[in-house]
Amino acid sequence: MKPIKRITLLLAFVAAGQGCTHDKALTGPAASRISAADAAAEDQPAYGPWGTPVNLGPVVNSQYNDNSPAISKDGLSLYITSSPLPSPPGVRPGGRGKADIWVSQRASIDAPWGEPVDLGPNINSAGSDGVPSLSTDGHRLYFHRNGPGGCGAADLFVSRRQDKRDDFGWEPAENLGCTVNSPFADNGPTIFEDDARGITTLYFNSPRPGGLGDVDIYASTLQADGTFGSGVNVSELNSPFADDRVAIRRDGLEIFVSTDRPGGVGSQDIWVATRATTFDPWSAPVPLGPVVNSPYFDGGPALSFDGTELYFHSDRPGGFGGLDLYVSTRARLRGPDVAENAREETHQRGDGREEGKK
């Protein structure tokens, strides 16, 4: 039985059994949280340590700032942000604006990445567009845009496509609105869909007033009307410093944070926090350490669907540009092979179109 289904079924058993328990037995939300924790502990995947990061090479990376990646569920499409350096060398050839979102593709997990291609005018504007995040079903692309006509200095946007296998089928992007967006710079969206609770959460970072530091991490919940609610400060992840992009494991129990808080090894590092269930708050983040992090600037994490690959950017020596993209891997010691299931789903089921939109 899949872990999510197991948790849901156990919660149903708890609810059904509460009516016939002794008066002193634990009931209500507390009992549900304990049962969810027990189920999660049993089915939670386990991983080995992260390996030495590998530069993605001169095909993906350029002499510009290549940063803030997102990896598709099947692992065959890598979305990246490419932004300019002070001239020379200027903007990556083939782009449309100051910073653009590009995609690199590969034929299989073991194949090399191809030359990145700009996503075009439905996604990229004359301003700065970047930090992509894909929904689990592959039909929505979230990112931020810095340009005129929005709610603030930078806003969160979404684009949709019918065919999840068509990396160039994105429809014109839409602003998520001035409830989740503020008059300030709202950046770096990461979408998390909690199947066990039926809740979709958009994590992002913002320097809006009321935070703990220069930039804080916020979370917005998808409402019944299809809009995102006001951002709530995720205080347990934040510090008096700059805490920005996050990457969250598919089960919602591990989150990676870019931060320049003290305690790391470089000017910005990647830290990690965990929780027992998605009902619980996050633990205090701890640095990933000197295997992944360097004495330089490391950030913008993105996690593969199976949790074994961590993509990020760094300006460490030995790269090809200002910021380069790297990947670190770890072994899955326990848990279902969700990556294999994802590849089978993408390439063996139908034509990749969203249900009801064929």
Protein backbone atom coordinates (compact mmCIF):
# COMPACT_ATOMS: atom_id res chain seq x y z
CA MET A 1 0.00 0.00 0.00
CA LYS A 2 1.32 3.48 -0.86
CA PRO A 3 2.37 5.60 2.17
CA ILE A 4 -0.18 8.35 1.47
CA LYS A 5 -3.02 5.86 1.16
CA ARG A 6 -1.87 4.12 4.35
CA ILE A 7 -1.93 7.39 6.30
CA THR A 8 -5.36 8.32 4.94
CA LEU A 9 -6.77 4.87 5.77
CA LEU A 10 -5.37 4.94 9.30
CA LEU A 11 -6.89 8.35 9.91
CA ALA A 12 -10.23 6.97 8.78
CA PHE A 13 -9.90 4.05 11.22
CA VAL A 14 -9.07 6.47 14.05
CA ALA A 15 -12.13 8.59 13.28
CA ALA A 16 -14.39 5.53 13.13
CA GLY A 17 -13.04 4.07 16.36
CA GLN A 18 -13.26 7.19 18.47
CA GLY A 19 -16.99 6.73 19.07
CA CYS A 20 -16.46 3.49 21.01
CA THR A 21 -13.33 4.37 23.01
CA HIS A 22 -13.16 4.82 26.77
CA ASP A 23 -13.79 8.36 27.98
CA LYS A 24 -10.14 8.77 28.96
CA ALA A 25 -8.80 7.65 25.61
CA LEU A 26 -7.10 10.23 23.39
CA THR A 27 -9.55 11.55 20.81
CA GLY A 28 -9.88 14.33 18.27
CA PRO A 29 -7.07 15.99 16.30
CA ALA A 30 -4.36 14.85 18.73
CA ALA A 31 -5.20 11.18 18.09
CA SER A 32 -5.20 11.80 14.35
CA ARG A 33 -1.78 13.44 14.51
CA ILE A 34 -0.32 10.55 16.50
CA SER A 35 -1.73 7.98 14.08
CA ALA A 36 -0.41 9.97 11.12
CA ALA A 37 3.02 10.15 12.79
CA ASP A 38 3.05 6.38 13.39
CA ALA A 39 2.13 5.69 9.78
CA ALA A 40 4.65 8.20 8.47
CA ALA A 41 7.45 6.77 10.62
CA GLU A 42 6.77 3.27 9.28
CA ASP A 43 6.60 4.26 5.61
CA GLN A 44 8.94 7.25 5.51
CA PRO A 45 11.83 6.75 3.06
CA ALA A 46 15.41 6.76 4.32
CA TYR A 47 18.41 8.14 2.48
CA GLY A 48 22.19 8.02 2.64
CA PRO A 49 24.48 11.06 2.82
CA TRP A 50 24.75 13.60 0.01
CA GLY A 51 27.66 13.11 -2.39
CA THR A 52 30.13 15.62 -3.79
CA PRO A 53 28.33 18.03 -6.15
CA VAL A 54 28.98 17.72 -9.88
CA ASN A 55 28.91 20.66 -12.28
CA LEU A 56 26.26 20.13 -15.00
CA GLY A 57 28.81 21.12 -17.62
CA PRO A 58 29.22 23.68 -20.41
CA VAL A 59 26.10 22.68 -22.35
CA VAL A 60 23.70 23.62 -19.56
CA ASN A 61 25.92 26.21 -17.92
CA SER A 62 27.11 29.31 -19.75
CA GLN A 63 29.28 32.34 -19.12
CA TYR A 64 26.21 33.98 -17.53
CA ASN A 65 24.39 33.43 -14.21
CA ASP A 66 22.65 30.04 -14.52
CA ASN A 67 20.65 29.48 -11.37
CA SER A 68 17.43 28.51 -9.55
CA PRO A 69 16.59 25.19 -11.25
CA ALA A 70 13.48 22.98 -11.25
CA ILE A 71 13.45 19.31 -12.26
CA SER A 72 10.41 17.60 -13.79
CA LYS A 73 8.74 14.63 -12.11
CA ASP A 74 10.20 12.19 -14.67
CA GLY A 75 13.67 13.77 -14.42
CA LEU A 76 13.88 14.49 -18.15
CA SER A 77 13.33 18.27 -18.20
CA LEU A 78 15.47 20.74 -16.28
CA TYR A 79 14.07 24.26 -16.03
CA ILE A 80 16.64 26.93 -15.23
CA THR A 81 16.93 30.67 -14.80
CA SER A 82 19.63 32.38 -16.82
CA SER A 83 20.33 35.97 -15.89
CA PRO A 84 22.85 38.51 -17.14
CA LEU A 85 26.24 39.48 -15.86
CA PRO A 86 27.45 43.07 -16.10
CA SER A 87 28.39 43.70 -19.72
CA PRO A 88 30.43 42.04 -21.05
CA PRO A 89 29.23 39.30 -21.44
CA GLY A 90 25.67 40.65 -20.99
CA VAL A 91 22.58 38.47 -21.58
CA ARG A 92 22.62 34.82 -22.70
CA PRO A 93 22.01 34.74 -26.48
CA GLY A 94 18.48 33.65 -27.39
CA GLY A 95 16.81 35.21 -24.37
CA ARG A 96 14.10 37.83 -24.31
CA GLY A 97 14.69 39.89 -21.19
CA LYS A 98 17.00 40.60 -18.30
CA ALA A 99 16.50 37.11 -16.85
CA ASP A 100 14.62 34.31 -18.59
CA ILE A 101 13.46 30.77 -17.86
CA TRP A 102 14.96 28.12 -20.13
CA VAL A 103 14.58 24.35 -20.37
CA SER A 104 17.13 21.62 -21.03
CA GLN A 105 15.95 18.14 -21.98
CA ARG A 106 17.43 14.66 -22.02
CA ALA A 107 16.23 11.42 -23.60
CA SER A 108 16.68 9.30 -20.46
CA ILE A 109 17.94 9.56 -16.90
CA ASP A 110 21.38 8.39 -18.03
CA ALA A 111 21.55 10.63 -21.11
CA PRO A 112 23.37 14.00 -21.14
CA TRP A 113 21.43 17.26 -20.86
CA GLY A 114 20.77 19.11 -24.11
CA GLU A 115 21.28 22.77 -24.94
CA PRO A 116 18.81 24.93 -22.99
CA VAL A 117 16.08 26.67 -24.99
CA ASP A 118 14.25 29.84 -23.96
CA LEU A 119 10.58 29.15 -23.07
CA GLY A 120 9.37 32.05 -25.21
CA PRO A 121 7.00 35.00 -24.80
CA ASN A 122 4.21 33.19 -22.92
CA ILE A 123 6.59 32.82 -19.98
CA ASN A 124 9.37 35.34 -20.47
CA SER A 125 8.91 39.09 -20.68
CA ALA A 126 11.09 42.13 -21.24
CA GLY A 127 11.63 42.19 -17.47
CA SER A 128 13.14 39.51 -15.26
CA ASP A 129 11.45 36.10 -15.09
CA GLY A 130 12.87 33.32 -12.98
CA VAL A 131 12.91 30.67 -10.26
CA PRO A 132 10.54 28.10 -11.83
CA SER A 133 8.59 25.46 -9.87
CA LEU A 134 6.53 22.68 -11.46
CA SER A 135 3.35 21.19 -10.02
CA THR A 136 3.45 17.44 -9.39
CA ASP A 137 1.14 16.70 -12.32
CA GLY A 138 3.30 18.82 -14.63
CA HIS A 139 0.42 21.03 -15.80
CA ARG A 140 1.38 24.22 -13.93
CA LEU A 141 4.56 26.29 -13.84
CA TYR A 142 5.04 28.84 -11.05
CA PHE A 143 7.69 31.56 -11.20
CA HIS A 144 8.25 35.21 -10.36
CA ARG A 145 8.40 38.25 -12.61
CA ASN A 146 9.88 41.66 -12.08
CA GLY A 147 8.15 44.17 -14.33
CA PRO A 148 5.51 46.87 -14.60
CA GLY A 149 1.81 46.32 -14.03
CA GLY A 150 1.96 43.98 -11.06
CA CYS A 151 1.23 44.25 -7.35
CA GLY A 152 4.78 44.99 -6.23
CA ALA A 153 8.46 45.03 -7.07
CA ALA A 154 8.22 41.34 -8.09
CA ASP A 155 5.14 39.12 -8.29
CA LEU A 156 4.32 35.42 -8.35
CA PHE A 157 2.87 34.06 -11.61
CA VAL A 158 1.51 30.76 -12.95
CA SER A 159 1.26 29.30 -16.44
CA ARG A 160 -0.67 26.18 -17.48
CA ARG A 161 -0.31 23.60 -20.23
CA GLN A 162 -2.53 20.77 -21.41
CA ASP A 163 0.25 18.35 -22.39
CA LYS A 164 2.68 17.77 -19.54
CA ARG A 165 5.24 16.39 -22.00
CA ASP A 166 5.32 19.57 -24.09
CA ASP A 167 7.89 21.90 -22.55
CA PHE A 168 6.95 24.61 -25.04
CA GLY A 169 3.16 24.32 -24.69
CA TRP A 170 2.79 26.81 -21.85
CA GLU A 171 -0.11 29.25 -22.03
CA PRO A 172 0.33 32.98 -21.28
CA ALA A 173 1.29 33.41 -17.63
CA GLU A 174 -1.15 34.92 -15.14
CA ASN A 175 -0.39 37.02 -12.06
CA LEU A 176 -1.52 35.19 -8.89
CA GLY A 177 -3.11 38.39 -7.63
CA CYS A 178 -2.58 40.96 -4.92
CA THR A 179 -3.73 38.77 -2.03
CA VAL A 180 -0.66 36.53 -2.09
CA ASN A 181 1.49 39.17 -3.80
CA SER A 182 2.38 42.34 -1.88
CA PRO A 183 3.75 45.78 -2.75
CA PHE A 184 7.21 44.30 -2.14
CA ALA A 185 9.37 41.78 -4.02
CA ASP A 186 7.71 38.34 -3.72
CA ASN A 187 10.09 35.78 -5.16
CA GLY A 188 11.11 32.16 -5.48
CA PRO A 189 7.87 30.12 -5.47
CA THR A 190 7.89 26.42 -4.58
CA ILE A 191 4.62 24.51 -4.85
CA PHE A 192 3.82 21.63 -2.49
CA GLU A 193 0.75 19.41 -2.87
CA ASP A 194 -0.07 17.47 0.30
CA ASP A 195 -2.16 14.53 -0.92
CA ALA A 196 -2.72 13.20 2.60
CA ARG A 197 -4.38 16.43 3.76
CA GLY A 198 -5.73 17.66 0.42
CA ILE A 199 -3.92 20.99 0.83
CA THR A 200 -1.79 22.82 -1.74
CA THR A 201 0.77 25.26 -0.34
CA LEU A 202 2.86 27.82 -2.18
CA TYR A 203 6.12 28.64 -0.39
CA PHE A 204 7.89 31.86 -1.41
CA ASN A 205 10.20 34.52 0.00
CA SER A 206 9.60 38.21 0.54
CA PRO A 207 11.17 41.25 2.24
CA ARG A 208 7.69 42.53 3.23
CA PRO A 209 7.42 44.18 6.66
CA GLY A 210 6.72 42.03 9.70
CA GLY A 211 9.30 39.34 9.02
CA LEU A 212 12.18 38.18 11.18
CA GLY A 213 14.99 39.15 8.81
CA ASP A 214 15.98 40.82 5.57
CA VAL A 215 14.04 38.24 3.54
CA ASP A 216 11.68 35.65 5.05
CA ILE A 217 9.94 32.47 3.87
CA TYR A 218 6.14 32.61 3.62
CA ALA A 219 3.44 30.03 2.84
CA SER A 220 0.12 30.60 1.06
CA THR A 221 -2.69 28.03 0.86
CA LEU A 222 -4.77 27.39 -2.25
CA GLN A 223 -8.39 28.36 -1.55
CA ALA A 224 -11.61 26.69 -2.70
CA ASP A 225 -12.10 29.37 -5.35
CA GLY A 226 -8.75 28.55 -6.96
CA THR A 227 -6.87 31.59 -5.62
CA PHE A 228 -4.02 31.67 -3.13
CA GLY A 229 -4.58 33.23 0.28
CA SER A 230 -2.41 35.70 2.14
CA GLY A 231 1.13 34.62 2.87
CA VAL A 232 1.87 33.43 6.42
CA ASN A 233 5.38 33.74 7.83
CA VAL A 234 6.93 30.28 8.36
CA SER A 235 8.68 31.47 11.49
CA GLU A 236 10.45 28.21 12.36
CA LEU A 237 12.39 28.36 9.07
CA ASN A 238 13.33 32.04 9.27
CA SER A 239 16.15 33.96 10.94
CA PRO A 240 17.24 37.60 11.34
CA PHE A 241 19.10 37.16 8.04
CA ALA A 242 18.08 36.42 4.43
CA ASP A 243 16.14 33.14 4.03
CA ASP A 244 14.95 32.64 0.48
CA ARG A 245 14.32 29.74 -1.88
CA VAL A 246 13.19 26.36 -0.53
CA ALA A 247 12.86 22.86 -1.97
CA ILE A 248 10.49 20.39 -0.32
CA ARG A 249 10.50 16.60 -0.54
CA ARG A 250 7.45 15.04 -2.16
CA ASP A 251 6.09 13.70 1.16
CA GLY A 252 6.47 17.12 2.80
CA LEU A 253 8.75 15.88 5.59
CA GLU A 254 12.06 17.46 4.51
CA ILE A 255 12.73 21.00 3.30
CA PHE A 256 15.92 22.63 2.03
CA VAL A 257 16.49 26.35 2.61
CA SER A 258 18.86 28.90 1.05
CA THR A 259 20.12 31.18 3.81
CA ASP A 260 23.01 33.44 4.70
CA ARG A 261 22.54 33.03 8.47
CA PRO A 262 25.67 32.38 10.58
CA GLY A 263 26.78 28.77 11.01
CA GLY A 264 27.39 27.87 7.38
CA VAL A 265 30.65 27.59 5.47
CA GLY A 266 30.05 30.21 2.76
CA SER A 267 28.37 33.53 2.01
CA GLN A 268 25.12 31.60 1.44
CA ASP A 269 24.51 27.94 2.23
CA ILE A 270 21.81 25.29 1.87
CA TRP A 271 20.28 24.17 5.17
CA VAL A 272 17.71 21.44 5.88
CA ALA A 273 14.76 21.02 8.26
CA THR A 274 12.41 18.07 8.86
CA ARG A 275 9.08 17.25 10.49
CA ALA A 276 7.34 14.03 11.57
CA THR A 277 4.12 14.70 9.61
CA THR A 278 2.67 17.53 7.54
CA PHE A 279 0.50 18.41 10.57
CA ASP A 280 3.66 19.42 12.46
CA PRO A 281 5.90 22.51 12.38
CA TRP A 282 9.37 22.29 10.87
CA SER A 283 12.42 21.61 13.01
CA ALA A 284 15.12 24.27 13.29
CA PRO A 285 17.16 24.18 10.05
CA VAL A 286 20.73 22.83 10.17
CA PRO A 287 23.42 23.26 7.50
CA LEU A 288 23.96 20.45 5.00
CA GLY A 289 27.67 20.78 5.70
CA PRO A 290 30.86 21.13 3.64
CA VAL A 291 30.22 18.25 1.23
CA VAL A 292 27.40 20.13 -0.50
CA ASN A 293 28.15 23.67 0.64
CA SER A 294 31.38 25.50 -0.21
CA PRO A 295 33.14 28.62 1.11
CA TYR A 296 31.36 30.49 -1.69
CA PHE A 297 27.71 31.22 -2.59
CA ASP A 298 25.46 28.12 -2.74
CA GLY A 299 21.67 28.31 -3.03
CA GLY A 300 18.51 27.89 -5.10
CA PRO A 301 17.88 24.21 -4.24
CA ALA A 302 15.54 21.96 -6.23
CA LEU A 303 14.83 18.33 -5.33
CA SER A 304 14.04 15.46 -7.67
CA PHE A 305 10.68 13.72 -7.23
CA ASP A 306 12.30 10.69 -5.56
CA GLY A 307 14.44 12.84 -3.26
CA THR A 308 17.80 11.47 -4.47
CA GLU A 309 19.03 14.46 -6.51
CA LEU A 310 19.61 17.98 -5.23
CA TYR A 311 20.13 20.62 -7.93
CA PHE A 312 21.41 24.06 -6.94
CA HIS A 313 23.57 26.96 -8.08
CA SER A 314 27.02 28.04 -6.91
CA ASP A 315 29.77 30.49 -7.78
CA ARG A 316 32.51 28.16 -6.49
CA PRO A 317 35.71 28.00 -8.54
CA GLY A 318 35.84 25.70 -11.56
CA GLY A 319 32.57 26.80 -13.16
CA PHE A 320 31.84 28.26 -16.58
CA GLY A 321 30.11 31.51 -15.61
CA GLY A 322 29.07 33.73 -12.73
CA LEU A 323 26.73 31.11 -11.21
CA ASP A 324 26.73 27.51 -12.38
CA LEU A 325 24.29 24.66 -11.82
CA TYR A 326 25.38 21.60 -9.85
CA VAL A 327 23.80 18.33 -8.71
CA SER A 328 24.47 16.22 -5.62
CA THR A 329 23.03 12.72 -5.22
CA ARG A 330 22.21 10.38 -2.35
CA ALA A 331 21.10 6.76 -2.21
CA ARG A 332 17.55 5.79 -1.28
CA LEU A 333 17.94 3.21 1.51
CA ARG A 334 14.26 2.53 2.19
CA GLY A 335 10.93 3.43 0.62
CA PRO A 336 9.11 3.05 -2.70
CA ASP A 337 10.85 3.80 -6.00
CA VAL A 338 8.65 6.78 -6.84
CA ALA A 339 11.06 7.91 -9.56
CA GLU A 340 10.48 4.73 -11.58
CA ASN A 341 6.73 5.12 -11.11
CA ALA A 342 6.95 8.72 -12.31
CA ARG A 343 8.82 7.74 -15.49
CA GLU A 344 6.31 5.01 -16.27
CA GLU A 345 3.40 7.41 -15.69
CA THR A 346 4.86 10.08 -17.96
CA HIS A 347 5.86 7.86 -20.85
CA GLN A 348 3.38 4.99 -20.82
CA ARG A 349 0.04 6.57 -19.88
CA GLY A 350 -1.95 8.29 -22.62
CA ASP A 351 -0.66 11.38 -24.37
CA GLY A 352 0.27 13.48 -21.34
CA ARG A 353 -2.80 15.71 -21.60
CA GLU A 354 -4.72 16.95 -18.60
CA GLU A 355 -7.95 15.03 -18.02
CA GLY A 356 -10.95 16.66 -19.65
CA LYS A 357 -8.78 18.79 -22.00
CA LYS A 358 -7.97 16.44 -24.83
